[in-house]
Structure formats: structure tokens, C-alpha cells
């Protein structure tokens, strides 16, 4: 999943620049302790899980178009 996420990073950062903070977090990593609300819900979603502004937004796949649409709406 990291590779798929990395494939999204460049077009998203090219389009939105520093207005976004793109970060991949492996759910098996210790870093998940920093996201207790997300960790709690992992048993109820299909990975990958896309979180935007701290809110789980999409799960089960990665879509540049859907992610871009949500970011555009939030930036208006």
C-alpha cells in the first residue's frame, strides 16, 4: 500500500503544494499510537484508509479524483 500512496503524493503535492500535509502511516507501525481514534476503527474499515483533516474519508481504495475533490471543497 505504501507504493500506491507514494503514487498519490506527487500529483497531490504538485496540485496543492504546501497547503496539504501528505503522510503515509502503516497501521502495523508504532506511529499508530499517535492516532488512537483511527486505530480504534481499523477493525470496521477496509484498508487503505484515507484520512483528511483528521476525519476518515475513504476506505478500501485510493482515488486521486475523489481525494482531490474533497481537498478542493475544503479549500474553498
PDB file of N, CA and C in Angstrom:
ATOM      1  N   UNK A   1       0.808  -1.199   0.000  1.00  0.00           N
ATOM      2  CA  UNK A   1       0.000   0.000   0.000  1.00  0.00           C
ATOM      3  C   UNK A   1       0.853   1.266   0.000  1.00  0.00           C
ATOM      4  N   UNK A   2       2.042   1.159   0.551  1.00  0.00           N
ATOM      5  CA  UNK A   2       2.917   2.330   0.575  1.00  0.00           C
ATOM      6  C   UNK A   2       3.206   2.816  -0.834  1.00  0.00           C
ATOM      7  N   UNK A   3       3.445   1.890  -1.748  1.00  0.00           N
ATOM      8  CA  UNK A   3       3.737   2.284  -3.132  1.00  0.00           C
ATOM      9  C   UNK A   3       2.558   3.024  -3.756  1.00  0.00           C
ATOM     10  N   UNK A   4       1.349   2.528  -3.507  1.00  0.00           N
ATOM     11  CA  UNK A   4       0.161   3.186  -4.049  1.00  0.00           C
ATOM     12  C   UNK A   4      -0.001   4.587  -3.453  1.00  0.00           C
ATOM     13  N   UNK A   5       0.263   4.699  -2.158  1.00  0.00           N
ATOM     14  CA  UNK A   5       0.178   6.003  -1.508  1.00  0.00           C
ATOM     15  C   UNK A   5       1.244   6.947  -2.066  1.00  0.00           C
ATOM     16  N   UNK A   6       2.448   6.423  -2.267  1.00  0.00           N
ATOM     17  CA  UNK A   6       3.516   7.244  -2.838  1.00  0.00           C
ATOM     18  C   UNK A   6       3.151   7.739  -4.236  1.00  0.00           C
ATOM     19  N   UNK A   7       2.415   6.908  -4.991  1.00  0.00           N
ATOM     20  CA  UNK A   7       1.975   7.320  -6.326  1.00  0.00           C
ATOM     21  C   UNK A   7       1.005   8.496  -6.275  1.00  0.00           C
ATOM     22  N   UNK A   8       0.298   8.647  -5.169  1.00  0.00           N
ATOM     23  CA  UNK A   8      -0.642   9.769  -5.000  1.00  0.00           C
ATOM     24  C   UNK A   8       0.055  11.047  -4.535  1.00  0.00           C
ATOM     25  N   UNK A   9       1.124  10.876  -3.814  1.00  0.00           N
ATOM     26  CA  UNK A   9       1.769  12.029  -3.169  1.00  0.00           C
ATOM     27  C   UNK A   9       2.199  13.103  -4.160  1.00  0.00           C
ATOM     28  N   UNK A  10       2.902  12.727  -5.199  1.00  0.00           N
ATOM     29  CA  UNK A  10       3.423  13.732  -6.129  1.00  0.00           C
ATOM     30  C   UNK A  10       2.315  14.531  -6.806  1.00  0.00           C
ATOM     31  N   UNK A  11       1.312  13.890  -7.418  1.00  0.00           N
ATOM     32  CA  UNK A  11       0.274  14.710  -8.052  1.00  0.00           C
ATOM     33  C   UNK A  11      -0.484  15.586  -7.056  1.00  0.00           C
ATOM     34  N   UNK A  12      -0.684  15.086  -5.846  1.00  0.00           N
ATOM     35  CA  UNK A  12      -1.399  15.903  -4.858  1.00  0.00           C
ATOM     36  C   UNK A  12      -0.555  17.085  -4.398  1.00  0.00           C
ATOM     37  N   UNK A  13       0.722  16.846  -4.136  1.00  0.00           N
ATOM     38  CA  UNK A  13       1.575  17.956  -3.702  1.00  0.00           C
ATOM     39  C   UNK A  13       1.873  18.904  -4.862  1.00  0.00           C
ATOM     40  N   UNK A  14       1.918  18.386  -6.098  1.00  0.00           N
ATOM     41  CA  UNK A  14       2.078  19.271  -7.259  1.00  0.00           C
ATOM     42  C   UNK A  14       0.875  20.199  -7.386  1.00  0.00           C
ATOM     43  N   UNK A  15      -0.313  19.660  -7.169  1.00  0.00           N
ATOM     44  CA  UNK A  15      -1.540  20.437  -7.330  1.00  0.00           C
ATOM     45  C   UNK A  15      -1.778  21.404  -6.171  1.00  0.00           C
ATOM     46  N   UNK A  16      -1.559  20.938  -4.933  1.00  0.00           N
ATOM     47  CA  UNK A  16      -1.931  21.724  -3.757  1.00  0.00           C
ATOM     48  C   UNK A  16      -0.749  22.333  -3.014  1.00  0.00           C
ATOM     49  N   UNK A  17       0.445  21.927  -3.357  1.00  0.00           N
ATOM     50  CA  UNK A  17       1.636  22.491  -2.721  1.00  0.00           C
ATOM     51  C   UNK A  17       1.661  22.287  -1.225  1.00  0.00           C
ATOM     52  N   UNK A  18       2.072  23.328  -0.531  1.00  0.00           N
ATOM     53  CA  UNK A  18       2.228  23.243   0.922  1.00  0.00           C
ATOM     54  C   UNK A  18       0.911  23.395   1.674  1.00  0.00           C
ATOM     55  N   UNK A  19      -0.190  23.540   0.952  1.00  0.00           N
ATOM     56  CA  UNK A  19      -1.482  23.638   1.642  1.00  0.00           C
ATOM     57  C   UNK A  19      -1.925  22.289   2.189  1.00  0.00           C
ATOM     58  N   UNK A  20      -1.258  21.209   1.744  1.00  0.00           N
ATOM     59  CA  UNK A  20      -1.581  19.892   2.281  1.00  0.00           C
ATOM     60  C   UNK A  20      -0.357  19.278   2.931  1.00  0.00           C
ATOM     61  N   UNK A  21      -0.619  18.379   3.865  1.00  0.00           N
ATOM     62  CA  UNK A  21       0.433  17.605   4.502  1.00  0.00           C
ATOM     63  C   UNK A  21       0.116  16.146   4.231  1.00  0.00           C
ATOM     64  N   UNK A  22       0.813  15.555   3.294  1.00  0.00           N
ATOM     65  CA  UNK A  22       0.587  14.169   2.892  1.00  0.00           C
ATOM     66  C   UNK A  22       1.462  13.268   3.740  1.00  0.00           C
ATOM     67  N   UNK A  23       0.851  12.260   4.350  1.00  0.00           N
ATOM     68  CA  UNK A  23       1.629  11.356   5.186  1.00  0.00           C
ATOM     69  C   UNK A  23       1.060   9.950   5.090  1.00  0.00           C
ATOM     70  N   UNK A  24       1.933   8.987   4.888  1.00  0.00           N
ATOM     71  CA  UNK A  24       1.554   7.579   4.896  1.00  0.00           C
ATOM     72  C   UNK A  24       1.892   7.015   6.264  1.00  0.00           C
ATOM     73  N   UNK A  25       0.945   6.316   6.875  1.00  0.00           N
ATOM     74  CA  UNK A  25       1.195   5.672   8.159  1.00  0.00           C
ATOM     75  C   UNK A  25       0.809   4.203   8.024  1.00  0.00           C
ATOM     76  N   UNK A  26       1.748   3.324   8.304  1.00  0.00           N
ATOM     77  CA  UNK A  26       1.489   1.885   8.283  1.00  0.00           C
ATOM     78  C   UNK A  26       0.733   1.528   9.561  1.00  0.00           C
ATOM     79  N   UNK A  27      -0.409   0.862   9.419  1.00  0.00           N
ATOM     80  CA  UNK A  27      -1.239   0.543  10.589  1.00  0.00           C
ATOM     81  C   UNK A  27      -0.548  -0.439  11.534  1.00  0.00           C
ATOM     82  N   UNK A  28       0.506  -1.102  11.075  1.00  0.00           N
ATOM     83  CA  UNK A  28       1.258  -2.022  11.929  1.00  0.00           C
ATOM     84  C   UNK A  28       2.412  -1.325  12.651  1.00  0.00           C
ATOM     85  N   UNK A  29       2.611  -0.054  12.377  1.00  0.00           N
ATOM     86  CA  UNK A  29       3.731   0.703  12.931  1.00  0.00           C
ATOM     87  C   UNK A  29       3.367   1.292  14.296  1.00  0.00           C
ATOM     88  N   UNK A  30       4.384   1.494  15.123  1.00  0.00           N
ATOM     89  CA  UNK A  30       4.182   2.119  16.437  1.00  0.00           C
ATOM     90  C   UNK A  30       3.605   3.521  16.328  1.00  0.00           C
ATOM     91  N   UNK A  31       3.783   4.151  15.181  1.00  0.00           N
ATOM     92  CA  UNK A  31       3.283   5.508  14.972  1.00  0.00           C
ATOM     93  C   UNK A  31       1.752   5.583  15.123  1.00  0.00           C
ATOM     94  N   UNK A  32       1.073   4.459  14.983  1.00  0.00           N
ATOM     95  CA  UNK A  32      -0.386   4.441  15.116  1.00  0.00           C
ATOM     96  C   UNK A  32      -0.835   4.878  16.508  1.00  0.00           C
ATOM     97  N   UNK A  33       0.051   4.797  17.484  1.00  0.00           N
ATOM     98  CA  UNK A  33      -0.325   5.251  18.828  1.00  0.00           C
ATOM     99  C   UNK A  33      -0.655   6.743  18.840  1.00  0.00           C
ATOM    100  N   UNK A  34      -0.170   7.462  17.833  1.00  0.00           N
ATOM    101  CA  UNK A  34      -0.455   8.887  17.712  1.00  0.00           C
ATOM    102  C   UNK A  34      -1.849   9.152  17.145  1.00  0.00           C
ATOM    103  N   UNK A  35      -2.518   8.099  16.698  1.00  0.00           N
ATOM    104  CA  UNK A  35      -3.842   8.219  16.077  1.00  0.00           C
ATOM    105  C   UNK A  35      -4.821   7.245  16.735  1.00  0.00           C
ATOM    106  N   UNK A  36      -5.101   7.410  18.026  1.00  0.00           N
ATOM    107  CA  UNK A  36      -5.935   6.430  18.741  1.00  0.00           C
ATOM    108  C   UNK A  36      -7.347   6.288  18.172  1.00  0.00           C
ATOM    109  N   UNK A  37      -7.940   7.379  17.724  1.00  0.00           N
ATOM    110  CA  UNK A  37      -9.294   7.284  17.169  1.00  0.00           C
ATOM    111  C   UNK A  37      -9.308   6.474  15.885  1.00  0.00           C
ATOM    112  N   UNK A  38      -8.293   6.654  15.076  1.00  0.00           N
ATOM    113  CA  UNK A  38      -8.188   5.908  13.822  1.00  0.00           C
ATOM    114  C   UNK A  38      -7.896   4.441  14.126  1.00  0.00           C
ATOM    115  N   UNK A  39      -6.991   4.195  15.042  1.00  0.00           N
ATOM    116  CA  UNK A  39      -6.625   2.823  15.400  1.00  0.00           C
ATOM    117  C   UNK A  39      -7.847   2.050  15.883  1.00  0.00           C
ATOM    118  N   UNK A  40      -8.691   2.706  16.640  1.00  0.00           N
ATOM    119  CA  UNK A  40      -9.887   2.076  17.194  1.00  0.00           C
ATOM    120  C   UNK A  40     -10.850   1.607  16.097  1.00  0.00           C
ATOM    121  N   UNK A  41     -10.905   2.316  14.993  1.00  0.00           N
ATOM    122  CA  UNK A  41     -11.875   1.986  13.948  1.00  0.00           C
ATOM    123  C   UNK A  41     -11.350   1.023  12.881  1.00  0.00           C
ATOM    124  N   UNK A  42     -10.089   0.652  12.935  1.00  0.00           N
ATOM    125  CA  UNK A  42      -9.494  -0.163  11.878  1.00  0.00           C
ATOM    126  C   UNK A  42     -10.214  -1.493  11.649  1.00  0.00           C
ATOM    127  N   UNK A  43     -10.801  -2.050  12.684  1.00  0.00           N
ATOM    128  CA  UNK A  43     -11.488  -3.332  12.515  1.00  0.00           C
ATOM    129  C   UNK A  43     -12.798  -3.181  11.741  1.00  0.00           C
ATOM    130  N   UNK A  44     -13.258  -1.942  11.548  1.00  0.00           N
ATOM    131  CA  UNK A  44     -14.538  -1.699  10.872  1.00  0.00           C
ATOM    132  C   UNK A  44     -14.387  -1.165   9.451  1.00  0.00           C
ATOM    133  N   UNK A  45     -13.169  -0.993   8.988  1.00  0.00           N
ATOM    134  CA  UNK A  45     -12.943  -0.449   7.647  1.00  0.00           C
ATOM    135  C   UNK A  45     -12.026  -1.373   6.856  1.00  0.00           C
ATOM    136  N   UNK A  46     -12.054  -1.178   5.547  1.00  0.00           N
ATOM    137  CA  UNK A  46     -11.128  -1.888   4.670  1.00  0.00           C
ATOM    138  C   UNK A  46      -9.978  -0.942   4.329  1.00  0.00           C
ATOM    139  N   UNK A  47      -8.781  -1.456   4.427  1.00  0.00           N
ATOM    140  CA  UNK A  47      -7.613  -0.653   4.085  1.00  0.00           C
ATOM    141  C   UNK A  47      -7.448  -0.607   2.580  1.00  0.00           C
ATOM    142  N   UNK A  48      -6.889   0.433   2.054  1.00  0.00           N
ATOM    143  CA  UNK A  48      -6.332   1.604   2.722  1.00  0.00           C
ATOM    144  C   UNK A  48      -7.433   2.556   3.201  1.00  0.00           C
ATOM    145  N   UNK A  49      -7.085   3.294   4.227  1.00  0.00           N
ATOM    146  CA  UNK A  49      -7.977   4.289   4.807  1.00  0.00           C
ATOM    147  C   UNK A  49      -7.390   5.665   4.540  1.00  0.00           C
ATOM    148  N   UNK A  50      -8.175   6.526   3.922  1.00  0.00           N
ATOM    149  CA  UNK A  50      -7.735   7.898   3.656  1.00  0.00           C
ATOM    150  C   UNK A  50      -8.356   8.804   4.713  1.00  0.00           C
ATOM    151  N   UNK A  51      -7.500   9.543   5.405  1.00  0.00           N
ATOM    152  CA  UNK A  51      -7.942  10.465   6.450  1.00  0.00           C
ATOM    153  C   UNK A  51      -7.619  11.871   5.976  1.00  0.00           C
ATOM    154  N   UNK A  52      -8.624  12.738   5.981  1.00  0.00           N
ATOM    155  CA  UNK A  52      -8.438  14.131   5.568  1.00  0.00           C
ATOM    156  C   UNK A  52      -8.905  15.020   6.701  1.00  0.00           C
ATOM    157  N   UNK A  53      -8.044  15.911   7.137  1.00  0.00           N
ATOM    158  CA  UNK A  53      -8.329  16.788   8.283  1.00  0.00           C
ATOM    159  C   UNK A  53      -8.741  15.994   9.517  1.00  0.00           C
ATOM    160  N   UNK A  54      -8.083  14.864   9.733  1.00  0.00           N
ATOM    161  CA  UNK A  54      -8.334  14.045  10.911  1.00  0.00           C
ATOM    162  C   UNK A  54      -9.584  13.193  10.834  1.00  0.00           C
ATOM    163  N   UNK A  55     -10.314  13.265   9.725  1.00  0.00           N
ATOM    164  CA  UNK A  55     -11.547  12.503   9.571  1.00  0.00           C
ATOM    165  C   UNK A  55     -11.364  11.385   8.555  1.00  0.00           C
ATOM    166  N   UNK A  56     -11.697  10.164   8.921  1.00  0.00           N
ATOM    167  CA  UNK A  56     -11.672   9.085   7.938  1.00  0.00           C
ATOM    168  C   UNK A  56     -12.630   9.448   6.807  1.00  0.00           C
ATOM    169  N   UNK A  57     -12.138   9.419   5.588  1.00  0.00           N
ATOM    170  CA  UNK A  57     -12.919   9.909   4.455  1.00  0.00           C
ATOM    171  C   UNK A  57     -13.239   8.820   3.445  1.00  0.00           C
ATOM    172  N   UNK A  58     -12.260   7.986   3.122  1.00  0.00           N
ATOM    173  CA  UNK A  58     -12.455   6.889   2.178  1.00  0.00           C
ATOM    174  C   UNK A  58     -11.758   5.656   2.718  1.00  0.00           C
ATOM    175  N   UNK A  59     -12.313   4.492   2.401  1.00  0.00           N
ATOM    176  CA  UNK A  59     -11.607   3.261   2.745  1.00  0.00           C
ATOM    177  C   UNK A  59     -11.817   2.235   1.648  1.00  0.00           C
ATOM    178  N   UNK A  60     -10.891   1.302   1.558  1.00  0.00           N
ATOM    179  CA  UNK A  60     -10.989   0.229   0.588  1.00  0.00           C
ATOM    180  C   UNK A  60     -10.344   0.513  -0.751  1.00  0.00           C
ATOM    181  N   UNK A  61      -9.780   1.683  -0.934  1.00  0.00           N
ATOM    182  CA  UNK A  61      -9.120   2.014  -2.191  1.00  0.00           C
ATOM    183  C   UNK A  61      -8.596   3.440  -2.158  1.00  0.00           C
ATOM    184  N   UNK A  62      -7.789   3.762  -3.142  1.00  0.00           N
ATOM    185  CA  UNK A  62      -7.231   5.098  -3.253  1.00  0.00           C
ATOM    186  C   UNK A  62      -7.658   5.695  -4.583  1.00  0.00           C
ATOM    187  N   UNK A  63      -8.251   6.885  -4.543  1.00  0.00           N
ATOM    188  CA  UNK A  63      -8.701   7.546  -5.758  1.00  0.00           C
ATOM    189  C   UNK A  63      -8.223   8.992  -5.760  1.00  0.00           C
ATOM    190  N   UNK A  64      -7.312   9.296  -6.660  1.00  0.00           N
ATOM    191  CA  UNK A  64      -6.802  10.660  -6.772  1.00  0.00           C
ATOM    192  C   UNK A  64      -7.934  11.636  -7.053  1.00  0.00           C
ATOM    193  N   UNK A  65      -8.895  11.232  -7.873  1.00  0.00           N
ATOM    194  CA  UNK A  65     -10.001  12.127  -8.213  1.00  0.00           C
ATOM    195  C   UNK A  65     -10.876  12.435  -6.998  1.00  0.00           C
ATOM    196  N   UNK A  66     -11.222  11.408  -6.224  1.00  0.00           N
ATOM    197  CA  UNK A  66     -12.061  11.624  -5.040  1.00  0.00           C
ATOM    198  C   UNK A  66     -11.330  12.441  -3.983  1.00  0.00           C
ATOM    199  N   UNK A  67     -10.067  12.136  -3.777  1.00  0.00           N
ATOM    200  CA  UNK A  67      -9.279  12.873  -2.784  1.00  0.00           C
ATOM    201  C   UNK A  67      -9.153  14.333  -3.202  1.00  0.00           C
ATOM    202  N   UNK A  68      -8.852  14.564  -4.473  1.00  0.00           N
ATOM    203  CA  UNK A  68      -8.734  15.930  -4.994  1.00  0.00           C
ATOM    204  C   UNK A  68     -10.044  16.686  -4.825  1.00  0.00           C
ATOM    205  N   UNK A  69     -11.154  16.035  -5.096  1.00  0.00           N
ATOM    206  CA  UNK A  69     -12.463  16.668  -4.957  1.00  0.00           C
ATOM    207  C   UNK A  69     -12.715  17.128  -3.519  1.00  0.00           C
ATOM    208  N   UNK A  70     -12.415  16.256  -2.565  1.00  0.00           N
ATOM    209  CA  UNK A  70     -12.615  16.619  -1.150  1.00  0.00           C
ATOM    210  C   UNK A  70     -11.692  17.767  -0.744  1.00  0.00           C
ATOM    211  N   UNK A  71     -10.439  17.707  -1.147  1.00  0.00           N
ATOM    212  CA  UNK A  71      -9.490  18.774  -0.794  1.00  0.00           C
ATOM    213  C   UNK A  71      -9.941  20.098  -1.420  1.00  0.00           C
ATOM    214  N   UNK A  72     -10.355  20.071  -2.669  1.00  0.00           N
ATOM    215  CA  UNK A  72     -10.841  21.296  -3.316  1.00  0.00           C
ATOM    216  C   UNK A  72     -12.010  21.911  -2.545  1.00  0.00           C
ATOM    217  N   UNK A  73     -12.942  21.082  -2.105  1.00  0.00           N
ATOM    218  CA  UNK A  73     -14.094  21.570  -1.341  1.00  0.00           C
ATOM    219  C   UNK A  73     -13.655  22.184  -0.015  1.00  0.00           C
ATOM    220  N   UNK A  74     -12.692  21.548   0.640  1.00  0.00           N
ATOM    221  CA  UNK A  74     -12.222  22.048   1.936  1.00  0.00           C
ATOM    222  C   UNK A  74     -11.450  23.363   1.794  1.00  0.00           C
ATOM    223  N   UNK A  75     -10.823  23.560   0.648  1.00  0.00           N
ATOM    224  CA  UNK A  75     -10.026  24.769   0.444  1.00  0.00           C
ATOM    225  C   UNK A  75     -10.869  25.968  -0.001  1.00  0.00           C
ATOM    226  N   UNK A  76     -12.113  25.755  -0.332  1.00  0.00           N
ATOM    227  CA  UNK A  76     -12.981  26.864  -0.767  1.00  0.00           C
ATOM    228  C   UNK A  76     -13.451  27.687   0.397  1.00  0.00           C
TER     229      UNK A  76
END
